[in-house]
Amino acid sequence: MFHLIGILFGSLLAQLLVLFMLLLLIIPKVGISVPQLIHAKDYLSYGLPLVPPSLSNWTVDLSDRYLNKCEVLMHVNLFLSHKT
């Protein structure tokens, strides 16, 4: 049990260390700024057209999981009906 916790803790620590080092390298070159509400129209004109495709992709992905479960159950049912 302690080995698993040690592995997870070590992985988390390594990822945090890499994140910290990369932030130290990237932030001075790129900088961080707060978005200005003056540009909200530009942000929305870019982002809003992406909402319907994202929702449809999400819907298809979830329905695909449901249909795959139904298909598996159908194959099991066919197998059991041929078995008897």
C-alpha atoms as a PDB file:
ATOM      1  CA  MET A   1       0.000   0.000   0.000  1.00  0.00           C
ATOM      2  CA  PHE A   2       2.777   2.436   0.838  1.00  0.00           C
ATOM      3  CA  HIS A   3       4.523   1.661  -2.431  1.00  0.00           C
ATOM      4  CA  LEU A   4       1.519   2.858  -4.427  1.00  0.00           C
ATOM      5  CA  ILE A   5       1.230   6.034  -2.377  1.00  0.00           C
ATOM      6  CA  GLY A   6       4.961   6.639  -2.813  1.00  0.00           C
ATOM      7  CA  ILE A   7       4.691   6.209  -6.581  1.00  0.00           C
ATOM      8  CA  LEU A   8       1.737   8.588  -6.797  1.00  0.00           C
ATOM      9  CA  PHE A   9       3.389  11.138  -4.520  1.00  0.00           C
ATOM     10  CA  GLY A  10       6.663  10.958  -6.470  1.00  0.00           C
ATOM     11  CA  SER A  11       4.837  11.391  -9.776  1.00  0.00           C
ATOM     12  CA  LEU A  12       2.916  14.378  -8.442  1.00  0.00           C
ATOM     13  CA  LEU A  13       6.074  15.929  -7.049  1.00  0.00           C
ATOM     14  CA  ALA A  14       7.938  15.454 -10.340  1.00  0.00           C
ATOM     15  CA  GLN A  15       5.092  17.004 -12.338  1.00  0.00           C
ATOM     16  CA  LEU A  16       4.886  19.982  -9.999  1.00  0.00           C
ATOM     17  CA  LEU A  17       8.647  20.477 -10.246  1.00  0.00           C
ATOM     18  CA  VAL A  18       8.535  20.429 -14.050  1.00  0.00           C
ATOM     19  CA  LEU A  19       5.556  22.814 -14.046  1.00  0.00           C
ATOM     20  CA  PHE A  20       7.368  25.238 -11.744  1.00  0.00           C
ATOM     21  CA  MET A  21      10.531  25.135 -13.878  1.00  0.00           C
ATOM     22  CA  LEU A  22       8.607  25.669 -17.111  1.00  0.00           C
ATOM     23  CA  LEU A  23       6.647  28.546 -15.624  1.00  0.00           C
ATOM     24  CA  LEU A  24       9.909  30.187 -14.587  1.00  0.00           C
ATOM     25  CA  LEU A  25      11.136  29.907 -18.174  1.00  0.00           C
ATOM     26  CA  ILE A  26       7.929  30.803 -20.025  1.00  0.00           C
ATOM     27  CA  ILE A  27       6.373  33.643 -17.997  1.00  0.00           C
ATOM     28  CA  PRO A  28       9.240  36.123 -18.496  1.00  0.00           C
ATOM     29  CA  LYS A  29       9.128  35.567 -22.262  1.00  0.00           C
ATOM     30  CA  VAL A  30       5.364  35.562 -22.758  1.00  0.00           C
ATOM     31  CA  GLY A  31       4.027  37.484 -19.808  1.00  0.00           C
ATOM     32  CA  ILE A  32       0.659  37.282 -18.110  1.00  0.00           C
ATOM     33  CA  SER A  33      -2.077  39.824 -18.659  1.00  0.00           C
ATOM     34  CA  VAL A  34      -5.697  40.163 -17.649  1.00  0.00           C
ATOM     35  CA  PRO A  35      -8.126  40.034 -20.599  1.00  0.00           C
ATOM     36  CA  GLN A  36      -9.707  43.385 -21.311  1.00  0.00           C
ATOM     37  CA  LEU A  37     -13.476  43.637 -21.643  1.00  0.00           C
ATOM     38  CA  ILE A  38     -13.001  45.962 -24.602  1.00  0.00           C
ATOM     39  CA  HIS A  39     -12.133  42.868 -26.645  1.00  0.00           C
ATOM     40  CA  ALA A  40     -15.092  40.795 -25.365  1.00  0.00           C
ATOM     41  CA  LYS A  41     -16.836  41.009 -28.748  1.00  0.00           C
ATOM     42  CA  ASP A  42     -13.760  39.540 -30.453  1.00  0.00           C
ATOM     43  CA  TYR A  43     -13.509  36.796 -27.829  1.00  0.00           C
ATOM     44  CA  LEU A  44     -17.176  35.879 -28.220  1.00  0.00           C
ATOM     45  CA  SER A  45     -17.038  35.998 -32.020  1.00  0.00           C
ATOM     46  CA  TYR A  46     -14.285  33.402 -31.828  1.00  0.00           C
ATOM     47  CA  GLY A  47     -15.681  31.266 -29.002  1.00  0.00           C
ATOM     48  CA  LEU A  48     -19.427  31.139 -29.592  1.00  0.00           C
ATOM     49  CA  PRO A  49     -19.260  29.353 -32.977  1.00  0.00           C
ATOM     50  CA  LEU A  50     -17.264  26.609 -31.252  1.00  0.00           C
ATOM     51  CA  VAL A  51     -20.056  25.814 -28.767  1.00  0.00           C
ATOM     52  CA  PRO A  52     -22.491  23.880 -31.060  1.00  0.00           C
ATOM     53  CA  PRO A  53     -19.811  21.577 -32.509  1.00  0.00           C
ATOM     54  CA  SER A  54     -18.475  20.917 -29.019  1.00  0.00           C
ATOM     55  CA  LEU A  55     -21.935  20.072 -27.704  1.00  0.00           C
ATOM     56  CA  SER A  56     -22.669  17.799 -30.668  1.00  0.00           C
ATOM     57  CA  ASN A  57     -19.306  16.075 -30.248  1.00  0.00           C
ATOM     58  CA  TRP A  58     -20.059  15.543 -26.561  1.00  0.00           C
ATOM     59  CA  THR A  59     -23.529  14.176 -27.397  1.00  0.00           C
ATOM     60  CA  VAL A  60     -22.213  11.774 -30.035  1.00  0.00           C
ATOM     61  CA  ASP A  61     -19.469  10.589 -27.710  1.00  0.00           C
ATOM     62  CA  LEU A  62     -21.921   9.844 -24.897  1.00  0.00           C
ATOM     63  CA  SER A  63     -24.487   8.218 -27.192  1.00  0.00           C
ATOM     64  CA  ASP A  64     -21.753   6.078 -28.731  1.00  0.00           C
ATOM     65  CA  ARG A  65     -20.972   4.653 -25.303  1.00  0.00           C
ATOM     66  CA  TYR A  66     -24.635   3.859 -24.740  1.00  0.00           C
ATOM     67  CA  LEU A  67     -25.014   2.244 -28.172  1.00  0.00           C
ATOM     68  CA  ASN A  68     -21.879   0.155 -27.650  1.00  0.00           C
ATOM     69  CA  LYS A  69     -23.338  -1.164 -24.389  1.00  0.00           C
ATOM     70  CA  CYS A  70     -26.583  -1.999 -26.186  1.00  0.00           C
ATOM     71  CA  GLU A  71     -24.658  -3.742 -28.955  1.00  0.00           C
ATOM     72  CA  VAL A  72     -22.690  -5.821 -26.457  1.00  0.00           C
ATOM     73  CA  LEU A  73     -25.899  -6.800 -24.693  1.00  0.00           C
ATOM     74  CA  MET A  74     -27.425  -7.728 -28.041  1.00  0.00           C
ATOM     75  CA  HIS A  75     -24.454 -10.008 -28.833  1.00  0.00           C
ATOM     76  CA  VAL A  76     -24.702 -11.623 -25.412  1.00  0.00           C
ATOM     77  CA  ASN A  77     -28.419 -12.164 -25.931  1.00  0.00           C
ATOM     78  CA  LEU A  78     -27.805 -13.752 -29.336  1.00  0.00           C
ATOM     79  CA  PHE A  79     -25.129 -15.998 -27.863  1.00  0.00           C
ATOM     80  CA  LEU A  80     -27.400 -17.113 -25.020  1.00  0.00           C
ATOM     81  CA  SER A  81     -30.356 -17.723 -27.347  1.00  0.00           C
ATOM     82  CA  HIS A  82     -28.235 -19.949 -29.625  1.00  0.00           C
ATOM     83  CA  LYS A  83     -26.813 -21.746 -26.637  1.00  0.00           C
ATOM     84  CA  THR A  84     -30.187 -23.142 -25.525  1.00  0.00           C
END
